[in-house]
N, C-alpha and C. Protein backbone atom coordinates (compact mmCIF):
# COMPACT_ATOMS: atom_id res chain seq x y z
N UNK A 1 -98.00 9.27 67.30
CA UNK A 1 -97.51 9.54 66.04
C UNK A 1 -98.82 8.72 65.34
N UNK A 2 -99.65 9.24 64.41
CA UNK A 2 -100.13 8.28 63.70
C UNK A 2 -99.08 7.86 62.42
N UNK A 3 -99.53 6.36 61.71
CA UNK A 3 -98.58 6.05 60.60
C UNK A 3 -99.91 5.17 59.87
N UNK A 4 -99.97 5.75 58.48
CA UNK A 4 -100.89 5.21 57.41
C UNK A 4 -100.91 3.28 57.45
N UNK A 5 -102.14 2.54 57.08
CA UNK A 5 -102.19 2.17 57.46
C UNK A 5 -102.75 0.93 56.05
N UNK A 6 -102.19 0.75 54.83
CA UNK A 6 -100.82 1.06 54.19
C UNK A 6 -100.20 2.07 54.17
N UNK A 7 -98.89 2.13 54.01
CA UNK A 7 -98.11 3.86 53.73
C UNK A 7 -98.06 3.33 52.59
N UNK A 8 -98.30 5.01 52.03
CA UNK A 8 -98.20 5.03 50.48
C UNK A 8 -96.68 6.43 50.32
N UNK A 9 -95.98 5.82 50.45
CA UNK A 9 -94.32 6.37 49.61
C UNK A 9 -94.21 6.55 48.37
N UNK A 10 -94.64 6.15 47.31
CA UNK A 10 -93.79 5.78 46.49
C UNK A 10 -95.17 6.30 45.19
N UNK A 11 -95.13 7.01 43.96
CA UNK A 11 -95.75 7.34 42.54
C UNK A 11 -95.02 7.08 41.95
N UNK A 12 -95.21 6.71 40.82
CA UNK A 12 -94.76 6.77 39.13
C UNK A 12 -95.40 6.88 38.22
N UNK A 13 -95.46 6.51 36.93
CA UNK A 13 -95.70 6.95 35.73
C UNK A 13 -95.15 6.29 34.56
N UNK A 14 -95.98 4.98 33.79
CA UNK A 14 -95.23 4.07 33.43
C UNK A 14 -94.76 5.01 32.36
N UNK A 15 -92.76 4.89 32.12
CA UNK A 15 -92.47 5.87 30.39
C UNK A 15 -92.78 4.55 29.86
N UNK A 16 -92.64 5.70 28.70
CA UNK A 16 -92.27 4.46 26.86
C UNK A 16 -91.08 3.94 26.62
N UNK A 17 -89.81 3.91 27.38
CA UNK A 17 -88.94 2.89 27.42
C UNK A 17 -89.53 1.58 28.20
N UNK A 18 -89.98 2.09 29.47
CA UNK A 18 -90.61 0.44 30.13
C UNK A 18 -91.02 -0.03 29.55
N UNK A 19 -92.08 0.09 28.26
CA UNK A 19 -92.84 -0.73 27.65
C UNK A 19 -92.09 -1.67 26.08
N UNK A 20 -92.46 -3.12 26.78
CA UNK A 20 -91.75 -3.87 25.69
C UNK A 20 -92.33 -4.70 24.58
N UNK A 21 -91.93 -5.25 23.84
CA UNK A 21 -92.72 -5.67 22.44
C UNK A 21 -94.26 -6.44 22.38
N UNK A 22 -94.55 -5.97 23.50
CA UNK A 22 -96.34 -6.63 23.51
C UNK A 22 -96.89 -6.15 23.53
N UNK A 23 -96.30 -4.59 24.14
CA UNK A 23 -97.00 -3.19 24.15
C UNK A 23 -97.11 -2.98 25.56
N UNK A 24 -97.06 -3.61 26.38
CA UNK A 24 -96.99 -3.29 28.02
C UNK A 24 -96.06 -3.18 29.03
N UNK A 25 -95.78 -2.85 29.48
CA UNK A 25 -94.84 -2.53 30.64
C UNK A 25 -93.91 -3.71 31.16
N UNK A 26 -92.43 -3.35 30.84
CA UNK A 26 -92.00 -5.19 30.71
C UNK A 26 -91.77 -5.64 32.29
N UNK A 27 -91.09 -6.49 32.55
CA UNK A 27 -91.52 -7.17 34.18
C UNK A 27 -90.59 -6.57 35.11
N UNK A 28 -89.20 -6.47 34.04
CA UNK A 28 -88.47 -6.11 35.20
C UNK A 28 -88.59 -4.69 35.85
N UNK A 29 -89.64 -3.97 34.76
CA UNK A 29 -89.76 -2.59 35.80
C UNK A 29 -90.50 -2.48 36.94
N UNK A 30 -91.60 -4.13 36.90
CA UNK A 30 -92.53 -3.68 38.05
C UNK A 30 -91.31 -3.89 39.40
N UNK A 31 -90.32 -4.85 39.16
CA UNK A 31 -89.46 -5.02 40.30
C UNK A 31 -88.68 -3.90 40.40
N UNK A 32 -88.37 -2.91 39.38
CA UNK A 32 -87.72 -1.77 39.97
C UNK A 32 -88.95 -1.09 40.70
N UNK A 33 -89.71 -0.65 40.39
CA UNK A 33 -90.87 -0.17 41.02
C UNK A 33 -91.06 -0.87 42.23
N UNK A 34 -91.06 -1.49 43.12
CA UNK A 34 -90.98 -2.27 43.75
C UNK A 34 -89.60 -2.20 44.87
N UNK A 35 -88.37 -2.06 44.04
CA UNK A 35 -87.58 -1.85 44.72
C UNK A 35 -87.50 0.27 45.07
N UNK A 36 -88.35 0.85 44.44
CA UNK A 36 -88.30 2.26 44.37
C UNK A 36 -88.95 2.23 45.40
N UNK A 37 -89.67 1.62 45.94
CA UNK A 37 -91.26 1.09 47.09
C UNK A 37 -89.96 1.30 47.66
N UNK A 38 -89.62 0.10 48.02
CA UNK A 38 -88.32 -0.42 49.03
C UNK A 38 -87.18 0.67 49.78
N UNK A 39 -86.48 1.11 48.64
CA UNK A 39 -86.07 2.50 49.08
C UNK A 39 -87.16 3.63 50.16
N UNK A 40 -88.35 4.30 49.33
CA UNK A 40 -89.06 4.75 50.46
C UNK A 40 -89.20 4.32 51.72
N UNK A 41 -89.78 2.79 51.68
CA UNK A 41 -89.99 2.63 52.82
C UNK A 41 -88.45 2.15 54.35
N UNK A 42 -87.59 2.18 53.55
CA UNK A 42 -86.24 2.25 54.53
C UNK A 42 -85.90 3.36 54.70
N UNK A 43 -85.81 4.65 54.44
CA UNK A 43 -85.68 6.34 54.48
C UNK A 43 -87.08 6.33 55.43
N UNK A 44 -87.98 6.31 54.96
CA UNK A 44 -89.54 6.04 56.33
C UNK A 44 -88.99 5.42 57.64
N UNK A 45 -88.33 4.03 57.53
CA UNK A 45 -88.23 3.47 58.55
C UNK A 45 -86.07 4.29 59.44
N UNK A 46 -85.75 4.86 58.52
CA UNK A 46 -84.78 5.96 59.04
C UNK A 46 -83.22 4.87 58.77
N UNK A 47 -83.58 4.12 58.04
CA UNK A 47 -82.31 2.98 57.04
C UNK A 47 -81.66 4.37 55.63
N UNK A 48 -82.10 5.24 55.45
CA UNK A 48 -81.40 6.20 54.21
C UNK A 48 -80.22 5.71 54.25
N UNK A 49 -79.60 6.85 53.11
CA UNK A 49 -78.57 7.08 52.58
C UNK A 49 -77.69 7.73 53.43
N UNK A 50 -77.61 7.94 54.42
CA UNK A 50 -77.32 8.87 55.27
C UNK A 50 -76.78 7.96 56.63
N UNK A 51 -78.04 7.14 56.88
CA UNK A 51 -77.70 5.90 58.07
C UNK A 51 -76.53 5.04 57.26
N UNK A 52 -76.55 4.84 55.97
CA UNK A 52 -76.04 3.70 55.77
C UNK A 52 -74.27 4.39 56.05
N UNK A 53 -73.93 5.52 55.28
CA UNK A 53 -72.98 6.15 55.52
C UNK A 53 -72.35 6.34 56.52
N UNK A 54 -73.25 6.76 57.53
CA UNK A 54 -73.22 6.96 58.69
C UNK A 54 -72.88 5.61 60.12
N UNK A 55 -73.64 5.01 59.68
CA UNK A 55 -73.32 3.95 61.13
C UNK A 55 -72.57 2.39 59.99
N UNK A 56 -72.57 2.87 58.70
CA UNK A 56 -71.92 1.56 58.06
C UNK A 56 -72.43 -0.03 58.32
N UNK A 57 -74.03 0.09 57.47
CA UNK A 57 -74.92 -0.69 58.03
C UNK A 57 -75.42 -0.49 56.96
N UNK A 58 -76.87 -1.44 55.86
CA UNK A 58 -77.65 -1.39 55.56
C UNK A 58 -78.52 -2.46 55.53
N UNK A 59 -78.87 -2.78 54.53
CA UNK A 59 -80.09 -3.66 54.21
C UNK A 59 -79.76 -4.53 52.39
N UNK A 60 -80.17 -5.99 52.86
CA UNK A 60 -80.04 -6.47 51.43
C UNK A 60 -81.23 -7.34 51.15
N UNK A 61 -81.33 -7.76 49.37
CA UNK A 61 -82.35 -8.41 49.58
C UNK A 61 -82.20 -10.03 49.79
N UNK A 62 -82.88 -11.03 50.40
CA UNK A 62 -82.51 -12.10 50.99
C UNK A 62 -83.83 -12.84 49.78
N UNK A 63 -85.05 -12.24 49.74
CA UNK A 63 -85.88 -12.98 48.80
C UNK A 63 -87.14 -11.98 48.46
N UNK A 64 -87.13 -12.72 47.42
CA UNK A 64 -88.15 -11.81 46.79
C UNK A 64 -89.34 -12.36 46.25
N UNK A 65 -90.25 -12.32 46.06
CA UNK A 65 -91.44 -12.79 44.94
C UNK A 65 -92.06 -12.21 44.12
N UNK A 66 -92.56 -11.90 43.02
CA UNK A 66 -93.08 -10.82 42.22
C UNK A 66 -94.92 -11.66 41.50
N UNK A 67 -95.49 -11.71 41.90
CA UNK A 67 -97.05 -11.13 41.51
C UNK A 67 -97.78 -11.09 40.32
N UNK A 68 -97.23 -10.63 38.67
CA UNK A 68 -98.06 -9.90 38.63
C UNK A 68 -99.15 -10.50 37.84
N UNK A 69 -100.42 -8.95 38.11
CA UNK A 69 -101.92 -9.71 37.95
C UNK A 69 -102.80 -9.32 36.95
N UNK A 70 -101.87 -7.89 36.34
CA UNK A 70 -102.93 -7.20 35.37
C UNK A 70 -101.84 -6.56 34.56
N UNK A 71 -101.58 -6.29 33.57
CA UNK A 71 -100.87 -5.46 32.91
C UNK A 71 -100.97 -3.90 33.39
N UNK A 72 -99.61 -3.16 32.81
CA UNK A 72 -99.90 -1.80 32.93
C UNK A 72 -99.42 -1.28 31.83
N UNK A 73 -100.09 0.13 30.90
CA UNK A 73 -99.94 0.44 30.40
C UNK A 73 -99.19 1.58 29.66
N UNK A 74 -98.22 2.22 28.77
CA UNK A 74 -97.53 3.36 29.27
C UNK A 74 -98.14 5.01 29.64
N UNK A 75 -97.85 5.28 30.03
CA UNK A 75 -98.79 6.73 30.58
C UNK A 75 -99.53 6.76 32.14
N UNK A 76 -99.96 5.06 31.77
CA UNK A 76 -100.47 4.78 33.17
C UNK A 76 -99.69 5.01 34.44
N UNK A 77 -100.87 6.09 35.63
CA UNK A 77 -100.69 6.49 36.79
C UNK A 77 -100.27 4.96 38.07
N UNK A 78 -99.27 5.25 38.51
CA UNK A 78 -98.68 4.28 39.53
C UNK A 78 -98.60 4.43 41.08
N UNK A 79 -99.16 4.09 42.07
CA UNK A 79 -99.19 3.98 43.04
C UNK A 79 -98.49 2.55 43.70
N UNK A 80 -98.32 2.96 44.82
CA UNK A 80 -97.93 1.67 45.77
C UNK A 80 -98.43 1.36 47.35
N UNK A 81 -98.76 0.75 47.69
CA UNK A 81 -98.62 0.83 49.31
C UNK A 81 -98.04 -0.39 49.98
N UNK A 82 -97.52 0.57 50.63
CA UNK A 82 -96.42 -0.63 51.31
C UNK A 82 -96.61 -1.29 52.83
N UNK A 83 -96.25 -2.41 52.95
CA UNK A 83 -97.09 -3.12 54.20
C UNK A 83 -96.06 -4.04 55.01
N UNK A 84 -95.80 -3.56 55.96
CA UNK A 84 -94.67 -4.92 56.87
C UNK A 84 -95.49 -5.71 57.07
N UNK A 85 -95.54 -6.94 57.22
CA UNK A 85 -96.26 -8.09 57.74
C UNK A 85 -95.32 -9.37 58.47
N UNK A 86 -94.17 -8.77 59.03
CA UNK A 86 -93.36 -9.73 59.98
C UNK A 86 -92.28 -8.70 60.10
N UNK A 87 -90.98 -9.08 61.12
CA UNK A 87 -89.75 -8.54 61.75
C UNK A 87 -89.60 -9.37 62.48
N UNK A 88 -88.05 -9.16 62.69
CA UNK A 88 -86.68 -9.73 63.82
C UNK A 88 -85.96 -8.99 64.12
N UNK A 89 -85.53 -9.17 64.60
CA UNK A 89 -84.02 -8.71 64.84
C UNK A 89 -83.09 -7.64 64.09
N UNK A 90 -83.33 -8.58 63.10
CA UNK A 90 -82.68 -9.03 61.98
C UNK A 90 -83.31 -8.51 60.12
N UNK A 91 -84.23 -8.75 60.74
CA UNK A 91 -84.96 -8.89 58.92
C UNK A 91 -86.13 -8.02 59.17
N UNK A 92 -86.68 -8.04 58.10
CA UNK A 92 -88.01 -7.36 57.80
C UNK A 92 -88.56 -8.14 56.24
N UNK A 93 -90.05 -8.55 56.35
CA UNK A 93 -90.80 -9.24 55.42
C UNK A 93 -91.89 -8.16 55.38
N UNK A 94 -92.13 -7.49 53.72
CA UNK A 94 -92.73 -6.43 53.49
C UNK A 94 -93.34 -6.72 52.30
N UNK A 95 -94.49 -6.32 52.15
CA UNK A 95 -95.18 -6.38 50.89
C UNK A 95 -95.36 -4.75 50.17
N UNK A 96 -95.31 -4.40 48.79
CA UNK A 96 -95.64 -3.65 47.93
C UNK A 96 -96.86 -3.97 47.63
N UNK A 97 -97.82 -3.24 46.98
CA UNK A 97 -99.27 -3.67 46.54
C UNK A 97 -98.70 -2.01 44.75
N UNK A 98 -98.78 -2.92 43.84
CA UNK A 98 -98.47 -1.54 42.90
C UNK A 98 -99.93 -1.75 42.48
N UNK A 99 -100.33 0.11 42.05
CA UNK A 99 -101.65 -0.31 41.48
C UNK A 99 -101.54 0.90 40.98
N UNK A 100 -102.99 0.67 40.14
CA UNK A 100 -102.72 1.92 38.75
C UNK A 100 -103.62 2.67 39.46
N UNK A 101 -103.10 4.24 40.06
CA UNK A 101 -103.90 4.86 40.82
C UNK A 101 -104.99 5.78 40.57
N UNK A 102 -105.41 5.68 39.73
CA UNK A 102 -107.22 5.99 39.20
C UNK A 102 -107.77 5.58 39.60
N UNK A 103 -107.66 4.34 38.62
CA UNK A 103 -109.15 3.01 38.93
C UNK A 103 -108.71 2.51 39.51
N UNK A 104 -107.52 1.88 40.18
CA UNK A 104 -107.47 1.32 41.26
C UNK A 104 -107.71 -0.30 41.58
N UNK A 105 -107.20 -0.50 40.59
CA UNK A 105 -106.90 -2.24 40.41
C UNK A 105 -105.61 -2.39 40.83
N UNK A 106 -105.35 -3.25 41.51
CA UNK A 106 -103.95 -4.29 41.79
C UNK A 106 -103.05 -4.74 40.82
N UNK A 107 -102.01 -4.56 40.25
CA UNK A 107 -101.61 -4.65 38.88
C UNK A 107 -100.29 -6.46 39.24
N UNK A 108 -99.76 -6.13 40.41
CA UNK A 108 -98.64 -6.89 40.78
C UNK A 108 -98.09 -6.41 42.55
N UNK A 109 -97.81 -7.09 42.93
CA UNK A 109 -98.01 -7.82 44.30
C UNK A 109 -96.29 -7.71 44.48
N UNK A 110 -95.42 -6.95 45.14
CA UNK A 110 -93.92 -7.70 45.24
C UNK A 110 -93.53 -7.94 46.66
N UNK A 111 -93.02 -9.35 46.98
CA UNK A 111 -93.66 -9.29 48.48
C UNK A 111 -91.58 -9.74 48.52
N UNK A 112 -91.20 -9.19 49.58
CA UNK A 112 -89.65 -9.33 49.87
C UNK A 112 -89.41 -9.48 51.05
N UNK A 113 -88.26 -10.10 51.69
CA UNK A 113 -87.47 -10.13 52.75
C UNK A 113 -86.04 -9.93 52.43
N UNK A 114 -85.98 -9.11 53.80
CA UNK A 114 -84.64 -8.06 53.33
C UNK A 114 -84.07 -8.42 54.52
N UNK A 115 -82.31 -8.47 55.08
CA UNK A 115 -81.51 -8.58 56.56
C UNK A 115 -80.94 -7.48 56.83
N UNK A 116 -80.93 -6.86 57.98
CA UNK A 116 -79.92 -6.08 58.22
C UNK A 116 -78.56 -6.20 57.96
N UNK A 117 -77.47 -5.66 57.67
CA UNK A 117 -76.30 -5.78 57.43
C UNK A 117 -75.28 -4.83 58.12
N UNK A 118 -74.09 -5.27 58.35
CA UNK A 118 -73.02 -4.79 58.49
C UNK A 118 -71.94 -4.80 57.73
N UNK A 119 -71.69 -3.16 57.18
CA UNK A 119 -70.72 -3.51 56.29
C UNK A 119 -70.07 -3.85 55.56
N UNK A 120 -69.33 -3.29 57.21
CA UNK A 120 -67.97 -4.63 58.01
C UNK A 120 -67.05 -5.28 57.68
N UNK A 121 -68.29 -6.03 57.96
CA UNK A 121 -68.31 -7.66 58.24
C UNK A 121 -68.98 -8.52 56.96
N UNK A 122 -69.99 -7.27 56.93
CA UNK A 122 -70.85 -8.36 55.44
C UNK A 122 -71.21 -9.10 56.01
N UNK A 123 -71.36 -9.54 57.09
CA UNK A 123 -73.20 -10.25 58.35
C UNK A 123 -73.76 -9.18 58.57
N UNK A 124 -74.96 -10.19 58.85
CA UNK A 124 -76.43 -9.81 59.59
C UNK A 124 -76.23 -9.10 60.85
N UNK A 125 -77.08 -7.80 61.07
CA UNK A 125 -76.52 -7.93 62.41
C UNK A 125 -78.16 -6.98 62.63
N UNK A 126 -78.20 -7.00 64.14
CA UNK A 126 -79.44 -6.37 64.51
C UNK A 126 -79.85 -5.16 64.28
N UNK A 127 -80.77 -4.39 63.79
CA UNK A 127 -81.07 -2.77 64.37
C UNK A 127 -80.59 -2.18 64.86
N UNK A 128 -80.15 -2.29 65.32
CA UNK A 128 -79.87 -0.61 66.25
C UNK A 128 -81.74 -0.01 67.23
N UNK A 129 -81.02 0.70 68.42
CA UNK A 129 -82.85 0.08 68.68
C UNK A 129 -83.39 1.44 68.39
N UNK A 130 -83.03 2.61 67.70
CA UNK A 130 -83.74 3.82 66.74
C UNK A 130 -84.18 3.50 65.45
N UNK A 131 -83.58 2.18 64.66
CA UNK A 131 -84.69 1.36 64.13
C UNK A 131 -85.59 0.71 64.57
N UNK A 132 -85.38 -0.08 65.62
CA UNK A 132 -86.27 -1.19 66.33
C UNK A 132 -87.58 -0.05 66.92
N UNK A 133 -87.12 0.55 67.63
CA UNK A 133 -88.52 1.38 67.40
C UNK A 133 -89.76 1.89 66.85
N UNK A 134 -88.87 2.17 65.77
CA UNK A 134 -89.29 2.88 64.36
C UNK A 134 -90.55 1.64 63.43
N UNK A 135 -89.67 0.43 63.48
CA UNK A 135 -90.03 -0.70 63.04
C UNK A 135 -91.17 -1.67 63.61
N UNK A 136 -91.27 -0.66 65.61
CA UNK A 136 -92.25 -1.98 65.89
C UNK A 136 -93.31 -0.90 65.75
N UNK A 137 -92.96 0.19 66.20
CA UNK A 137 -93.97 1.07 65.98
C UNK A 137 -95.24 0.91 63.91
N UNK A 138 -94.56 0.23 62.94
CA UNK A 138 -95.02 0.60 62.62
C UNK A 138 -95.82 -0.70 62.14
N UNK A 139 -95.01 -2.15 62.58
CA UNK A 139 -95.80 -3.16 63.12
C UNK A 139 -97.18 -2.89 63.27
N UNK A 140 -96.77 -2.81 65.05
CA UNK A 140 -98.38 -2.27 65.46
C UNK A 140 -99.41 -1.52 64.75
N UNK A 141 -99.01 -0.75 63.75
CA UNK A 141 -100.30 0.08 63.03
C UNK A 141 -100.52 -1.16 61.48
N UNK A 142 -99.45 -1.77 61.38
CA UNK A 142 -99.90 -2.72 60.67
C UNK A 142 -100.67 -4.14 60.70
N UNK A 143 -100.91 -4.38 62.00
CA UNK A 143 -100.72 -5.71 62.38
C UNK A 143 -102.02 -5.86 61.86
N UNK A 144 -102.99 -5.66 61.89
CA UNK A 144 -104.96 -5.47 61.40
C UNK A 144 -105.05 -5.49 60.37
N UNK A 145 -104.04 -5.04 58.80
CA UNK A 145 -104.23 -4.71 57.35
C UNK A 145 -103.79 -6.83 57.20
N UNK A 146 -104.65 -6.67 56.28
CA UNK A 146 -104.81 -8.14 55.74
C UNK A 146 -103.84 -8.49 54.79
N UNK A 147 -103.65 -9.61 54.66
CA UNK A 147 -102.16 -10.02 53.95
C UNK A 147 -103.14 -11.54 52.53
N UNK A 148 -102.63 -10.72 51.64
CA UNK A 148 -103.07 -11.27 50.36
C UNK A 148 -102.74 -12.59 50.59
N UNK A 149 -104.99 -13.03 50.02
CA UNK A 149 -104.16 -14.89 49.89
C UNK A 149 -103.01 -15.19 48.81
N UNK A 150 -103.09 -14.60 47.75
CA UNK A 150 -102.06 -14.86 46.69
C UNK A 150 -100.58 -14.94 46.99
N UNK A 151 -99.80 -14.00 47.75
CA UNK A 151 -98.36 -14.41 48.54
C UNK A 151 -98.74 -15.57 49.55
N UNK A 152 -99.39 -16.62 49.72
CA UNK A 152 -99.49 -17.71 50.69
C UNK A 152 -99.35 -18.88 49.35
N UNK A 153 -99.73 -18.79 48.38
CA UNK A 153 -99.97 -19.37 47.36
C UNK A 153 -98.52 -19.99 46.71
N UNK A 154 -98.14 -21.01 46.49
CA UNK A 154 -97.09 -22.30 46.34
C UNK A 154 -96.46 -21.53 44.79
N UNK A 155 -95.49 -21.60 44.33
CA UNK A 155 -94.91 -21.07 43.00
C UNK A 155 -95.25 -22.57 42.43
N UNK A 156 -95.21 -22.45 40.99
CA UNK A 156 -95.51 -23.21 40.05
C UNK A 156 -97.02 -23.87 39.86
N UNK A 157 -96.73 -24.88 39.24
CA UNK A 157 -98.28 -25.10 38.63
C UNK A 157 -98.81 -26.72 39.57
N UNK A 158 -99.99 -27.08 39.29
CA UNK A 158 -100.10 -27.96 39.82
C UNK A 158 -100.43 -28.95 39.41
N UNK A 159 -100.14 -30.17 40.27
CA UNK A 159 -99.65 -31.28 39.51
C UNK A 159 -101.62 -32.00 39.17
N UNK A 160 -101.29 -33.14 38.31
CA UNK A 160 -102.86 -33.22 37.92
C UNK A 160 -102.60 -34.89 38.42
């Protein structure tokens, strides 16, 4: 199976109702676009709505970082490039690069860590083999992708 590196699974257009009083897309919608891309990534892995219903297992977000790099304006086409950064038996660390689809600039980086959950116990649970195999294949395809320096920088202001 050929796996794109990065995966391109989600596109949107900046809607008028997403524009704030500054005339650009409100910060909340960058997070929402990342969340929509996460849903598509989980669908690709096999953790779709049918999986959640059938297996009574899901994924919860345990960490997220959003780096706003450039504003998006009403009507701009957006493409999301998704990259698996790391994983273990229960967790996924991935990045969504939210980009202007035609101009090519990166508007935002959404970095996430999610954990696989047994919904009956509301506790973490290892991925089943079928998902682990898909995750391993994705990891192999994404291992050579560069990780943006911006996601490793500390949050906050530098002390003088």
